[in-house]
Amino acid sequence: MSDAGAAAVVEDAELDGDRLAEEIDRLAGNPALRGRMGAAARSLAVPDAAARVAELVGEHARRSS
């Protein structure tokens, strides 16, 4: 998601309370960035993903029994 611009990544080694607050402030203070990130996330979405996963689980369960 980060490669598509839909998420921000903070490396574990950098993450502490101050760094998290900094990232939250950056996002909270930039509506245009949040809009771009939202659009990027929507472009990656699979609207019926839950139904597809449920179908795959059902198929696997029927084969396994």
C-alpha atoms as a PDB file:
ATOM      1  CA  MET A   1       0.000   0.000   0.000  1.00  0.00           C
ATOM      2  CA  SER A   2       2.828   2.389   0.726  1.00  0.00           C
ATOM      3  CA  ASP A   3       4.263   1.828  -2.765  1.00  0.00           C
ATOM      4  CA  ALA A   4       0.932   2.967  -4.189  1.00  0.00           C
ATOM      5  CA  GLY A   5       0.846   6.023  -1.932  1.00  0.00           C
ATOM      6  CA  ALA A   6      -1.997   4.688   0.188  1.00  0.00           C
ATOM      7  CA  ALA A   7      -0.053   4.329   3.439  1.00  0.00           C
ATOM      8  CA  ALA A   8       2.813   5.787   5.383  1.00  0.00           C
ATOM      9  CA  VAL A   9       5.510   3.475   6.683  1.00  0.00           C
ATOM     10  CA  VAL A  10       7.527   4.115   9.795  1.00  0.00           C
ATOM     11  CA  GLU A  11      10.285   1.586  10.350  1.00  0.00           C
ATOM     12  CA  ASP A  12      10.203  -0.273  13.665  1.00  0.00           C
ATOM     13  CA  ALA A  13      13.587   1.123  14.643  1.00  0.00           C
ATOM     14  CA  GLU A  14      12.234   4.680  14.234  1.00  0.00           C
ATOM     15  CA  LEU A  15       8.883   4.144  15.924  1.00  0.00           C
ATOM     16  CA  ASP A  16       8.281   5.612  19.332  1.00  0.00           C
ATOM     17  CA  GLY A  17       5.588   7.847  20.775  1.00  0.00           C
ATOM     18  CA  ASP A  18       7.129  11.038  19.442  1.00  0.00           C
ATOM     19  CA  ARG A  19       7.562   9.627  15.940  1.00  0.00           C
ATOM     20  CA  LEU A  20       3.995   8.343  15.902  1.00  0.00           C
ATOM     21  CA  ALA A  21       2.686  11.730  17.026  1.00  0.00           C
ATOM     22  CA  GLU A  22       4.751  13.385  14.291  1.00  0.00           C
ATOM     23  CA  GLU A  23       3.198  11.147  11.638  1.00  0.00           C
ATOM     24  CA  ILE A  24      -0.312  11.699  12.964  1.00  0.00           C
ATOM     25  CA  ASP A  25       0.233  15.460  12.955  1.00  0.00           C
ATOM     26  CA  ARG A  26       1.598  15.311   9.402  1.00  0.00           C
ATOM     27  CA  LEU A  27      -1.488  13.479   8.182  1.00  0.00           C
ATOM     28  CA  ALA A  28      -3.974  15.433  10.287  1.00  0.00           C
ATOM     29  CA  GLY A  29      -2.579  18.728   9.039  1.00  0.00           C
ATOM     30  CA  ASN A  30      -2.626  17.858   5.372  1.00  0.00           C
ATOM     31  CA  PRO A  31      -6.104  17.196   3.948  1.00  0.00           C
ATOM     32  CA  ALA A  32      -4.742  17.068   0.391  1.00  0.00           C
ATOM     33  CA  LEU A  33      -2.324  14.292   1.352  1.00  0.00           C
ATOM     34  CA  ARG A  34      -5.105  12.354   3.076  1.00  0.00           C
ATOM     35  CA  GLY A  35      -7.219  12.765  -0.057  1.00  0.00           C
ATOM     36  CA  ARG A  36      -4.441  11.424  -2.279  1.00  0.00           C
ATOM     37  CA  MET A  37      -3.850   8.531   0.095  1.00  0.00           C
ATOM     38  CA  GLY A  38      -7.563   7.747   0.154  1.00  0.00           C
ATOM     39  CA  ALA A  39      -7.752   7.777  -3.633  1.00  0.00           C
ATOM     40  CA  ALA A  40      -4.720   5.500  -3.814  1.00  0.00           C
ATOM     41  CA  ALA A  41      -6.296   3.104  -1.322  1.00  0.00           C
ATOM     42  CA  ARG A  42      -9.546   3.029  -3.267  1.00  0.00           C
ATOM     43  CA  SER A  43      -7.628   2.216  -6.442  1.00  0.00           C
ATOM     44  CA  LEU A  44      -6.301  -0.915  -4.730  1.00  0.00           C
ATOM     45  CA  ALA A  45      -9.634  -2.024  -3.332  1.00  0.00           C
ATOM     46  CA  VAL A  46     -11.350  -5.232  -4.351  1.00  0.00           C
ATOM     47  CA  PRO A  47     -15.030  -4.557  -3.640  1.00  0.00           C
ATOM     48  CA  ASP A  48     -16.055  -8.195  -3.224  1.00  0.00           C
ATOM     49  CA  ALA A  49     -12.875  -9.384  -1.496  1.00  0.00           C
ATOM     50  CA  ALA A  50     -14.696 -10.668   1.595  1.00  0.00           C
ATOM     51  CA  ALA A  51     -17.096 -12.715  -0.517  1.00  0.00           C
ATOM     52  CA  ARG A  52     -14.204 -14.132  -2.550  1.00  0.00           C
ATOM     53  CA  VAL A  53     -12.339 -15.169   0.588  1.00  0.00           C
ATOM     54  CA  ALA A  54     -15.482 -16.724   2.040  1.00  0.00           C
ATOM     55  CA  GLU A  55     -15.995 -18.715  -1.157  1.00  0.00           C
ATOM     56  CA  LEU A  56     -12.397 -19.960  -1.101  1.00  0.00           C
ATOM     57  CA  VAL A  57     -12.726 -20.999   2.532  1.00  0.00           C
ATOM     58  CA  GLY A  58     -15.950 -22.816   1.749  1.00  0.00           C
ATOM     59  CA  GLU A  59     -14.389 -24.612  -1.205  1.00  0.00           C
ATOM     60  CA  HIS A  60     -11.421 -25.667   0.900  1.00  0.00           C
ATOM     61  CA  ALA A  61     -13.692 -26.882   3.711  1.00  0.00           C
ATOM     62  CA  ARG A  62     -15.779 -28.962   1.276  1.00  0.00           C
ATOM     63  CA  ARG A  63     -12.640 -30.583  -0.190  1.00  0.00           C
ATOM     64  CA  SER A  64     -11.144 -31.251   3.243  1.00  0.00           C
ATOM     65  CA  SER A  65     -14.174 -33.033   4.698  1.00  0.00           C
END
